[in-house]
Amino acid sequence: MIGLLLCLPAALILAAGFVWPVLLLGRISFNRTTDMGAMEEAWTLETYAKIVTDDFTWDLAWNTITLSAGAAAAAVALALPVTLLIRSAPPRWRGVLALMAVAPLLVSGTARVVGWMAILGDQGMINALLTGLGLTSQPLRLINNLTGVRIGLTESLMPYCCLVLIAGLSRLDSRLEEAAATLGATRSRTFFRVTLPLAAPALAAAFALAFVLGVSAFITPRLMGGGRVFVVATEIFDLALETVDWPAAAALAMLLLGTLVVAMVLRGVLAGREAPR
């Protein structure tokens, strides 16, 4: 009983800040948009049917899924060696290295995206270096396209992957790796035959979390895409504030939320399998 009372303030804040707005958004998604563009209160599935049967929606979903999955996979691949380095470091340095790995989360996501735009721009540091070394005669197009969005999204997801992998790899029994080395296995063989299989649940959980965050990302595709990269989050923004079609925006948001819930449930299942019994 005392535990429930202690959880009550957090539950009320969650209900007021998330559950109630989601319920309102769900109610709006059943409204109808008239030919004049006004929102008419109703209980209809017309908006959902229109979205589901629109080929553009499926193209948008495919672009979002492939972009998020690619960025999540890249973020996990980059976070793994960082996490392994932290795991093999002396105990007194592990906390410092872990803090350095997740330090980008202390900076606003918008500020980080603006920084990447300055680095990857036509007059940015990367193009200036390539041009100065004579490797390219013209600036490379590294922003305002899918390439820039992939780079920015991967960087923004990598700290979250590090957090998951640090927690997951810390549970691995190092004696198994020591036993493999004692039996004559090389470092590479030990990694691929012992460490990597044991780390698979943590890798899957990190990928699931990164994928969820990537699917819902808005700032990175909006700014680094330069209005040329369309994902579900940017389409919701355009429907709500530019087209002013609130039922369509709400319906698309509810469909996205449903997808994220399924992905989070999957992540919970993977995390449960990873936990020691």
C-alpha atoms as a PDB file:
ATOM      1  CA  MET A   1       0.000   0.000   0.000  1.00  0.00           C
ATOM      2  CA  ILE A   2       2.813   2.404   0.895  1.00  0.00           C
ATOM      3  CA  GLY A   3       4.538   1.608  -2.388  1.00  0.00           C
ATOM      4  CA  LEU A   4       1.405   2.506  -4.341  1.00  0.00           C
ATOM      5  CA  LEU A   5       1.084   5.802  -2.466  1.00  0.00           C
ATOM      6  CA  LEU A   6       4.715   6.642  -3.215  1.00  0.00           C
ATOM      7  CA  CYS A   7       4.099   5.963  -6.915  1.00  0.00           C
ATOM      8  CA  LEU A   8       0.935   8.074  -6.978  1.00  0.00           C
ATOM      9  CA  PRO A   9       2.611  11.491  -7.628  1.00  0.00           C
ATOM     10  CA  ALA A  10       4.609  10.094 -10.555  1.00  0.00           C
ATOM     11  CA  ALA A  11       1.506   8.370 -11.906  1.00  0.00           C
ATOM     12  CA  LEU A  12      -0.474  11.616 -11.746  1.00  0.00           C
ATOM     13  CA  ILE A  13       2.277  13.534 -13.536  1.00  0.00           C
ATOM     14  CA  LEU A  14       2.469  10.828 -16.206  1.00  0.00           C
ATOM     15  CA  ALA A  15      -1.306  10.843 -16.627  1.00  0.00           C
ATOM     16  CA  ALA A  16      -1.469  14.642 -16.923  1.00  0.00           C
ATOM     17  CA  GLY A  17       1.576  15.029 -19.151  1.00  0.00           C
ATOM     18  CA  PHE A  18       1.245  12.014 -21.426  1.00  0.00           C
ATOM     19  CA  VAL A  19      -1.866   9.844 -21.093  1.00  0.00           C
ATOM     20  CA  TRP A  20      -4.413  12.673 -21.232  1.00  0.00           C
ATOM     21  CA  PRO A  21      -2.802  14.423 -24.254  1.00  0.00           C
ATOM     22  CA  VAL A  22      -2.602  11.071 -26.071  1.00  0.00           C
ATOM     23  CA  LEU A  23      -6.284  10.438 -25.395  1.00  0.00           C
ATOM     24  CA  LEU A  24      -7.143  13.896 -26.754  1.00  0.00           C
ATOM     25  CA  LEU A  25      -4.997  13.243 -29.795  1.00  0.00           C
ATOM     26  CA  GLY A  26      -6.743   9.921 -30.314  1.00  0.00           C
ATOM     27  CA  ARG A  27     -10.117  11.647 -30.133  1.00  0.00           C
ATOM     28  CA  ILE A  28      -9.071  14.228 -32.722  1.00  0.00           C
ATOM     29  CA  SER A  29      -7.963  11.446 -35.063  1.00  0.00           C
ATOM     30  CA  PHE A  30     -11.591  10.310 -35.383  1.00  0.00           C
ATOM     31  CA  ASN A  31     -12.775  13.754 -36.499  1.00  0.00           C
ATOM     32  CA  ARG A  32     -13.391  14.707 -40.105  1.00  0.00           C
ATOM     33  CA  THR A  33     -11.849  17.437 -42.261  1.00  0.00           C
ATOM     34  CA  THR A  34     -14.389  19.228 -44.436  1.00  0.00           C
ATOM     35  CA  ASP A  35     -13.834  20.346 -48.026  1.00  0.00           C
ATOM     36  CA  MET A  36     -13.222  23.863 -46.702  1.00  0.00           C
ATOM     37  CA  GLY A  37     -10.383  22.598 -44.512  1.00  0.00           C
ATOM     38  CA  ALA A  38     -12.216  22.961 -41.207  1.00  0.00           C
ATOM     39  CA  MET A  39     -12.213  20.200 -38.594  1.00  0.00           C
ATOM     40  CA  GLU A  40     -15.626  18.697 -37.934  1.00  0.00           C
ATOM     41  CA  GLU A  41     -16.292  16.637 -34.811  1.00  0.00           C
ATOM     42  CA  ALA A  42     -17.252  13.082 -35.664  1.00  0.00           C
ATOM     43  CA  TRP A  43     -16.548   9.445 -34.907  1.00  0.00           C
ATOM     44  CA  THR A  44     -15.268   8.111 -38.195  1.00  0.00           C
ATOM     45  CA  LEU A  45     -12.419   6.003 -39.543  1.00  0.00           C
ATOM     46  CA  GLU A  46     -12.306   7.905 -42.829  1.00  0.00           C
ATOM     47  CA  THR A  47      -9.020   9.588 -41.970  1.00  0.00           C
ATOM     48  CA  TYR A  48      -7.366   6.298 -40.993  1.00  0.00           C
ATOM     49  CA  ALA A  49      -8.670   4.647 -44.165  1.00  0.00           C
ATOM     50  CA  LYS A  50      -7.360   7.507 -46.287  1.00  0.00           C
ATOM     51  CA  ILE A  51      -3.916   7.308 -44.688  1.00  0.00           C
ATOM     52  CA  VAL A  52      -3.635   3.527 -44.888  1.00  0.00           C
ATOM     53  CA  THR A  53      -4.716   3.389 -48.541  1.00  0.00           C
ATOM     54  CA  ASP A  54      -2.405   6.222 -49.634  1.00  0.00           C
ATOM     55  CA  ASP A  55       0.730   4.987 -51.387  1.00  0.00           C
ATOM     56  CA  PHE A  56       2.621   8.047 -50.147  1.00  0.00           C
ATOM     57  CA  THR A  57       2.058   6.910 -46.555  1.00  0.00           C
ATOM     58  CA  TRP A  58       3.619   3.527 -47.257  1.00  0.00           C
ATOM     59  CA  ASP A  59       6.572   5.153 -49.026  1.00  0.00           C
ATOM     60  CA  LEU A  60       6.933   7.468 -46.041  1.00  0.00           C
ATOM     61  CA  ALA A  61       6.809   4.545 -43.618  1.00  0.00           C
ATOM     62  CA  TRP A  62       9.352   2.600 -45.644  1.00  0.00           C
ATOM     63  CA  ASN A  63      11.734   5.563 -45.768  1.00  0.00           C
ATOM     64  CA  THR A  64      11.346   6.073 -42.020  1.00  0.00           C
ATOM     65  CA  ILE A  65      11.919   2.407 -41.182  1.00  0.00           C
ATOM     66  CA  THR A  66      14.946   1.972 -43.442  1.00  0.00           C
ATOM     67  CA  LEU A  67      16.510   5.238 -42.302  1.00  0.00           C
ATOM     68  CA  SER A  68      15.964   4.439 -38.624  1.00  0.00           C
ATOM     69  CA  ALA A  69      17.101   0.826 -38.939  1.00  0.00           C
ATOM     70  CA  GLY A  70      20.268   1.831 -40.790  1.00  0.00           C
ATOM     71  CA  ALA A  71      21.113   4.567 -38.291  1.00  0.00           C
ATOM     72  CA  ALA A  72      20.358   2.247 -35.354  1.00  0.00           C
ATOM     73  CA  ALA A  73      22.583  -0.495 -36.771  1.00  0.00           C
ATOM     74  CA  ALA A  74      25.408   1.994 -37.375  1.00  0.00           C
ATOM     75  CA  ALA A  75      25.015   3.444 -33.877  1.00  0.00           C
ATOM     76  CA  VAL A  76      25.197  -0.022 -32.298  1.00  0.00           C
ATOM     77  CA  ALA A  77      28.230  -0.940 -34.406  1.00  0.00           C
ATOM     78  CA  LEU A  78      30.040   2.237 -33.321  1.00  0.00           C
ATOM     79  CA  ALA A  79      28.981   1.937 -29.684  1.00  0.00           C
ATOM     80  CA  LEU A  80      30.163  -1.665 -29.299  1.00  0.00           C
ATOM     81  CA  PRO A  81      33.943  -1.009 -29.479  1.00  0.00           C
ATOM     82  CA  VAL A  82      33.530   2.000 -27.198  1.00  0.00           C
ATOM     83  CA  THR A  83      31.692  -0.147 -24.667  1.00  0.00           C
ATOM     84  CA  LEU A  84      34.257  -2.937 -24.927  1.00  0.00           C
ATOM     85  CA  LEU A  85      37.001  -0.392 -24.276  1.00  0.00           C
ATOM     86  CA  ILE A  86      35.165   0.834 -21.175  1.00  0.00           C
ATOM     87  CA  ARG A  87      34.676  -2.751 -19.989  1.00  0.00           C
ATOM     88  CA  SER A  88      38.360  -3.602 -20.353  1.00  0.00           C
ATOM     89  CA  ALA A  89      39.592  -0.379 -18.725  1.00  0.00           C
ATOM     90  CA  PRO A  90      40.797  -0.305 -15.103  1.00  0.00           C
ATOM     91  CA  PRO A  91      37.919   0.096 -12.622  1.00  0.00           C
ATOM     92  CA  ARG A  92      38.930   3.616 -11.632  1.00  0.00           C
ATOM     93  CA  TRP A  93      38.660   4.806 -15.254  1.00  0.00           C
ATOM     94  CA  ARG A  94      35.409   3.088 -16.201  1.00  0.00           C
ATOM     95  CA  GLY A  95      33.178   5.768 -14.712  1.00  0.00           C
ATOM     96  CA  VAL A  96      35.090   8.552 -16.458  1.00  0.00           C
ATOM     97  CA  LEU A  97      35.027   6.773 -19.812  1.00  0.00           C
ATOM     98  CA  ALA A  98      31.329   5.962 -19.466  1.00  0.00           C
ATOM     99  CA  LEU A  99      30.601   9.610 -18.717  1.00  0.00           C
ATOM    100  CA  MET A 100      32.565  10.656 -21.797  1.00  0.00           C
ATOM    101  CA  ALA A 101      30.605   8.185 -23.934  1.00  0.00           C
ATOM    102  CA  VAL A 102      27.240   9.618 -22.916  1.00  0.00           C
ATOM    103  CA  ALA A 103      28.401  13.240 -22.581  1.00  0.00           C
ATOM    104  CA  PRO A 104      26.698  14.279 -25.876  1.00  0.00           C
ATOM    105  CA  LEU A 105      23.351  13.796 -24.116  1.00  0.00           C
ATOM    106  CA  LEU A 106      24.245  16.772 -21.927  1.00  0.00           C
ATOM    107  CA  VAL A 107      24.067  19.015 -25.012  1.00  0.00           C
ATOM    108  CA  SER A 108      20.796  19.992 -26.642  1.00  0.00           C
ATOM    109  CA  GLY A 109      19.898  17.849 -29.643  1.00  0.00           C
ATOM    110  CA  THR A 110      19.242  20.967 -31.693  1.00  0.00           C
ATOM    111  CA  ALA A 111      22.662  22.395 -30.847  1.00  0.00           C
ATOM    112  CA  ARG A 112      24.333  19.156 -31.884  1.00  0.00           C
ATOM    113  CA  VAL A 113      22.485  19.138 -35.207  1.00  0.00           C
ATOM    114  CA  VAL A 114      23.479  22.751 -35.876  1.00  0.00           C
ATOM    115  CA  GLY A 115      27.067  21.796 -35.096  1.00  0.00           C
ATOM    116  CA  TRP A 116      26.930  18.948 -37.605  1.00  0.00           C
ATOM    117  CA  MET A 117      25.505  21.315 -40.206  1.00  0.00           C
ATOM    118  CA  ALA A 118      28.497  23.594 -39.683  1.00  0.00           C
ATOM    119  CA  ILE A 119      30.940  20.671 -39.930  1.00  0.00           C
ATOM    120  CA  LEU A 120      29.355  18.985 -42.962  1.00  0.00           C
ATOM    121  CA  GLY A 121      28.295  22.095 -44.897  1.00  0.00           C
ATOM    122  CA  ASP A 122      29.743  23.137 -48.239  1.00  0.00           C
ATOM    123  CA  GLN A 123      32.084  25.489 -46.404  1.00  0.00           C
ATOM    124  CA  GLY A 124      32.419  23.243 -43.380  1.00  0.00           C
ATOM    125  CA  MET A 125      35.439  21.584 -41.845  1.00  0.00           C
ATOM    126  CA  ILE A 126      35.148  18.288 -43.741  1.00  0.00           C
ATOM    127  CA  ASN A 127      34.851  19.854 -47.176  1.00  0.00           C
ATOM    128  CA  ALA A 128      37.558  22.401 -46.371  1.00  0.00           C
ATOM    129  CA  LEU A 129      39.911  19.565 -45.387  1.00  0.00           C
ATOM    130  CA  LEU A 130      39.131  17.483 -48.472  1.00  0.00           C
ATOM    131  CA  THR A 131      39.514  20.475 -50.774  1.00  0.00           C
ATOM    132  CA  GLY A 132      42.722  21.610 -49.063  1.00  0.00           C
ATOM    133  CA  LEU A 133      44.272  18.164 -49.493  1.00  0.00           C
ATOM    134  CA  GLY A 134      43.286  18.133 -53.153  1.00  0.00           C
ATOM    135  CA  LEU A 135      41.071  15.063 -52.748  1.00  0.00           C
ATOM    136  CA  THR A 136      38.022  16.845 -54.172  1.00  0.00           C
ATOM    137  CA  SER A 137      37.635  19.758 -56.537  1.00  0.00           C
ATOM    138  CA  GLN A 138      34.101  20.630 -55.404  1.00  0.00           C
ATOM    139  CA  PRO A 139      32.408  20.407 -52.010  1.00  0.00           C
ATOM    140  CA  LEU A 140      30.669  17.130 -51.285  1.00  0.00           C
ATOM    141  CA  ARG A 141      26.941  17.225 -50.597  1.00  0.00           C
ATOM    142  CA  LEU A 142      26.918  16.045 -46.994  1.00  0.00           C
ATOM    143  CA  ILE A 143      23.816  17.857 -45.740  1.00  0.00           C
ATOM    144  CA  ASN A 144      20.323  18.586 -47.025  1.00  0.00           C
ATOM    145  CA  ASN A 145      20.090  14.953 -48.121  1.00  0.00           C
ATOM    146  CA  LEU A 146      19.824  11.421 -46.745  1.00  0.00           C
ATOM    147  CA  THR A 147      23.567  11.267 -46.116  1.00  0.00           C
ATOM    148  CA  GLY A 148      23.462  14.151 -43.682  1.00  0.00           C
ATOM    149  CA  VAL A 149      20.393  12.771 -41.918  1.00  0.00           C
ATOM    150  CA  ARG A 150      22.055   9.368 -41.529  1.00  0.00           C
ATOM    151  CA  ILE A 151      25.190  10.939 -40.038  1.00  0.00           C
ATOM    152  CA  GLY A 152      23.279  13.167 -37.637  1.00  0.00           C
ATOM    153  CA  LEU A 153      20.859  10.440 -36.603  1.00  0.00           C
ATOM    154  CA  THR A 154      23.626   7.912 -36.003  1.00  0.00           C
ATOM    155  CA  GLU A 155      25.511  10.349 -33.794  1.00  0.00           C
ATOM    156  CA  SER A 156      22.393  11.220 -31.806  1.00  0.00           C
ATOM    157  CA  LEU A 157      21.545   7.533 -31.206  1.00  0.00           C
ATOM    158  CA  MET A 158      25.042   6.345 -30.313  1.00  0.00           C
ATOM    159  CA  PRO A 159      25.059   7.581 -26.652  1.00  0.00           C
ATOM    160  CA  TYR A 160      21.811   5.708 -25.958  1.00  0.00           C
ATOM    161  CA  CYS A 161      23.330   2.551 -27.418  1.00  0.00           C
ATOM    162  CA  CYS A 162      26.360   3.042 -25.186  1.00  0.00           C
ATOM    163  CA  LEU A 163      24.123   3.252 -22.117  1.00  0.00           C
ATOM    164  CA  VAL A 164      22.353   0.004 -22.971  1.00  0.00           C
ATOM    165  CA  LEU A 165      25.546  -1.822 -23.883  1.00  0.00           C
ATOM    166  CA  ILE A 166      27.397  -0.644 -20.782  1.00  0.00           C
ATOM    167  CA  ALA A 167      24.617  -2.080 -18.634  1.00  0.00           C
ATOM    168  CA  GLY A 168      24.406  -5.277 -20.686  1.00  0.00           C
ATOM    169  CA  LEU A 169      28.110  -6.059 -21.084  1.00  0.00           C
ATOM    170  CA  SER A 170      28.817  -5.382 -17.420  1.00  0.00           C
ATOM    171  CA  ARG A 171      26.839  -8.540 -16.633  1.00  0.00           C
ATOM    172  CA  LEU A 172      28.997 -10.786 -18.786  1.00  0.00           C
ATOM    173  CA  ASP A 173      31.142 -13.293 -16.931  1.00  0.00           C
ATOM    174  CA  SER A 174      34.739 -12.476 -17.847  1.00  0.00           C
ATOM    175  CA  ARG A 175      35.801 -15.932 -16.669  1.00  0.00           C
ATOM    176  CA  LEU A 176      34.325 -17.404 -19.849  1.00  0.00           C
ATOM    177  CA  GLU A 177      36.651 -15.263 -21.957  1.00  0.00           C
ATOM    178  CA  GLU A 178      39.566 -16.149 -19.720  1.00  0.00           C
ATOM    179  CA  ALA A 179      38.727 -19.833 -20.114  1.00  0.00           C
ATOM    180  CA  ALA A 180      38.687 -19.477 -23.899  1.00  0.00           C
ATOM    181  CA  ALA A 181      42.094 -17.778 -23.821  1.00  0.00           C
ATOM    182  CA  THR A 182      43.415 -20.524 -21.544  1.00  0.00           C
ATOM    183  CA  LEU A 183      42.288 -23.135 -24.066  1.00  0.00           C
ATOM    184  CA  GLY A 184      44.310 -21.414 -26.775  1.00  0.00           C
ATOM    185  CA  ALA A 185      41.722 -19.194 -28.465  1.00  0.00           C
ATOM    186  CA  THR A 186      43.028 -15.992 -30.010  1.00  0.00           C
ATOM    187  CA  ARG A 187      41.501 -12.624 -29.123  1.00  0.00           C
ATOM    188  CA  SER A 188      39.529 -12.471 -32.343  1.00  0.00           C
ATOM    189  CA  ARG A 189      38.259 -16.025 -31.933  1.00  0.00           C
ATOM    190  CA  THR A 190      37.305 -15.320 -28.312  1.00  0.00           C
ATOM    191  CA  PHE A 191      35.428 -12.224 -29.398  1.00  0.00           C
ATOM    192  CA  PHE A 192      33.439 -13.866 -32.184  1.00  0.00           C
ATOM    193  CA  ARG A 193      32.826 -17.205 -30.442  1.00  0.00           C
ATOM    194  CA  VAL A 194      32.347 -16.108 -26.814  1.00  0.00           C
ATOM    195  CA  THR A 195      31.934 -12.355 -26.264  1.00  0.00           C
ATOM    196  CA  LEU A 196      29.697 -11.539 -29.224  1.00  0.00           C
ATOM    197  CA  PRO A 197      27.167 -14.362 -28.651  1.00  0.00           C
ATOM    198  CA  LEU A 198      26.919 -13.454 -24.971  1.00  0.00           C
ATOM    199  CA  ALA A 199      26.434  -9.773 -25.884  1.00  0.00           C
ATOM    200  CA  ALA A 200      23.722 -10.518 -28.481  1.00  0.00           C
ATOM    201  CA  PRO A 201      20.753  -9.739 -26.162  1.00  0.00           C
ATOM    202  CA  ALA A 202      22.313  -6.402 -25.178  1.00  0.00           C
ATOM    203  CA  LEU A 203      23.016  -5.591 -28.828  1.00  0.00           C
ATOM    204  CA  ALA A 204      19.438  -6.410 -29.768  1.00  0.00           C
ATOM    205  CA  ALA A 205      18.075  -4.281 -26.922  1.00  0.00           C
ATOM    206  CA  ALA A 206      20.323  -1.370 -27.932  1.00  0.00           C
ATOM    207  CA  PHE A 207      19.179  -1.680 -31.545  1.00  0.00           C
ATOM    208  CA  ALA A 208      15.507  -1.751 -30.502  1.00  0.00           C
ATOM    209  CA  LEU A 209      15.894   1.388 -28.378  1.00  0.00           C
ATOM    210  CA  ALA A 210      17.835   3.207 -31.099  1.00  0.00           C
ATOM    211  CA  PHE A 211      15.261   2.183 -33.695  1.00  0.00           C
ATOM    212  CA  VAL A 212      12.393   3.553 -31.580  1.00  0.00           C
ATOM    213  CA  LEU A 213      14.196   6.854 -31.076  1.00  0.00           C
ATOM    214  CA  GLY A 214      15.121   7.034 -34.760  1.00  0.00           C
ATOM    215  CA  VAL A 215      11.558   6.434 -35.965  1.00  0.00           C
ATOM    216  CA  SER A 216      10.262   9.286 -33.810  1.00  0.00           C
ATOM    217  CA  ALA A 217      13.145  11.677 -34.595  1.00  0.00           C
ATOM    218  CA  PHE A 218      12.097  15.058 -35.982  1.00  0.00           C
ATOM    219  CA  ILE A 219      14.846  17.644 -35.451  1.00  0.00           C
ATOM    220  CA  THR A 220      17.594  15.775 -37.319  1.00  0.00           C
ATOM    221  CA  PRO A 221      15.555  14.916 -40.460  1.00  0.00           C
ATOM    222  CA  ARG A 222      14.033  18.403 -40.507  1.00  0.00           C
ATOM    223  CA  LEU A 223      17.259  20.383 -40.200  1.00  0.00           C
ATOM    224  CA  MET A 224      19.857  18.141 -41.798  1.00  0.00           C
ATOM    225  CA  GLY A 225      17.431  17.015 -44.490  1.00  0.00           C
ATOM    226  CA  GLY A 226      16.877  20.607 -45.575  1.00  0.00           C
ATOM    227  CA  GLY A 227      13.234  19.919 -46.410  1.00  0.00           C
ATOM    228  CA  ARG A 228      14.259  17.219 -48.905  1.00  0.00           C
ATOM    229  CA  VAL A 229      14.038  14.202 -46.588  1.00  0.00           C
ATOM    230  CA  PHE A 230      10.539  13.154 -45.592  1.00  0.00           C
ATOM    231  CA  VAL A 231       9.795  10.869 -42.649  1.00  0.00           C
ATOM    232  CA  VAL A 232       6.691  10.244 -40.589  1.00  0.00           C
ATOM    233  CA  ALA A 233       7.585  12.829 -37.918  1.00  0.00           C
ATOM    234  CA  THR A 234       8.131  15.631 -40.462  1.00  0.00           C
ATOM    235  CA  GLU A 235       4.894  14.701 -42.239  1.00  0.00           C
ATOM    236  CA  ILE A 236       2.965  14.981 -38.961  1.00  0.00           C
ATOM    237  CA  PHE A 237       4.465  18.430 -38.450  1.00  0.00           C
ATOM    238  CA  ASP A 238       3.506  19.519 -41.958  1.00  0.00           C
ATOM    239  CA  LEU A 239      -0.049  18.200 -41.627  1.00  0.00           C
ATOM    240  CA  ALA A 240      -0.564  19.916 -38.278  1.00  0.00           C
ATOM    241  CA  LEU A 241       1.029  23.329 -38.904  1.00  0.00           C
ATOM    242  CA  GLU A 242       1.202  23.825 -42.659  1.00  0.00           C
ATOM    243  CA  THR A 243      -1.724  21.906 -44.143  1.00  0.00           C
ATOM    244  CA  VAL A 244      -3.666  22.379 -40.866  1.00  0.00           C
ATOM    245  CA  ASP A 245      -5.259  18.941 -41.225  1.00  0.00           C
ATOM    246  CA  TRP A 246      -5.401  18.021 -37.557  1.00  0.00           C
ATOM    247  CA  PRO A 247      -7.357  14.753 -37.924  1.00  0.00           C
ATOM    248  CA  ALA A 248      -4.822  13.441 -40.449  1.00  0.00           C
ATOM    249  CA  ALA A 249      -1.905  14.568 -38.293  1.00  0.00           C
ATOM    250  CA  ALA A 250      -3.458  12.989 -35.206  1.00  0.00           C
ATOM    251  CA  ALA A 251      -4.232   9.733 -37.013  1.00  0.00           C
ATOM    252  CA  LEU A 252      -0.701   9.480 -38.382  1.00  0.00           C
ATOM    253  CA  ALA A 253       0.680  10.240 -34.921  1.00  0.00           C
ATOM    254  CA  MET A 254      -1.452   7.491 -33.383  1.00  0.00           C
ATOM    255  CA  LEU A 255      -0.252   5.004 -35.970  1.00  0.00           C
ATOM    256  CA  LEU A 256       3.345   6.010 -35.227  1.00  0.00           C
ATOM    257  CA  LEU A 257       2.705   5.690 -31.494  1.00  0.00           C
ATOM    258  CA  GLY A 258       1.303   2.214 -32.000  1.00  0.00           C
ATOM    259  CA  THR A 259       4.419   1.214 -33.914  1.00  0.00           C
ATOM    260  CA  LEU A 260       6.652   2.591 -31.159  1.00  0.00           C
ATOM    261  CA  VAL A 261       4.696   0.731 -28.480  1.00  0.00           C
ATOM    262  CA  VAL A 262       5.185  -2.543 -30.362  1.00  0.00           C
ATOM    263  CA  ALA A 263       8.914  -1.818 -30.694  1.00  0.00           C
ATOM    264  CA  MET A 264       9.204  -0.983 -26.986  1.00  0.00           C
ATOM    265  CA  VAL A 265       7.399  -4.189 -26.043  1.00  0.00           C
ATOM    266  CA  LEU A 266       9.892  -6.057 -28.213  1.00  0.00           C
ATOM    267  CA  ARG A 267      12.740  -4.271 -26.463  1.00  0.00           C
ATOM    268  CA  GLY A 268      11.266  -5.261 -23.093  1.00  0.00           C
ATOM    269  CA  VAL A 269      11.136  -8.898 -24.171  1.00  0.00           C
ATOM    270  CA  LEU A 270      14.759  -8.766 -25.280  1.00  0.00           C
ATOM    271  CA  ALA A 271      15.809  -7.070 -22.046  1.00  0.00           C
ATOM    272  CA  GLY A 272      13.978  -9.775 -20.090  1.00  0.00           C
ATOM    273  CA  ARG A 273      15.869 -12.479 -21.928  1.00  0.00           C
ATOM    274  CA  GLU A 274      19.125 -10.662 -21.230  1.00  0.00           C
ATOM    275  CA  ALA A 275      18.513 -10.500 -17.475  1.00  0.00           C
ATOM    276  CA  PRO A 276      20.242 -13.263 -15.491  1.00  0.00           C
ATOM    277  CA  ARG A 277      18.023 -15.954 -13.992  1.00  0.00           C
END
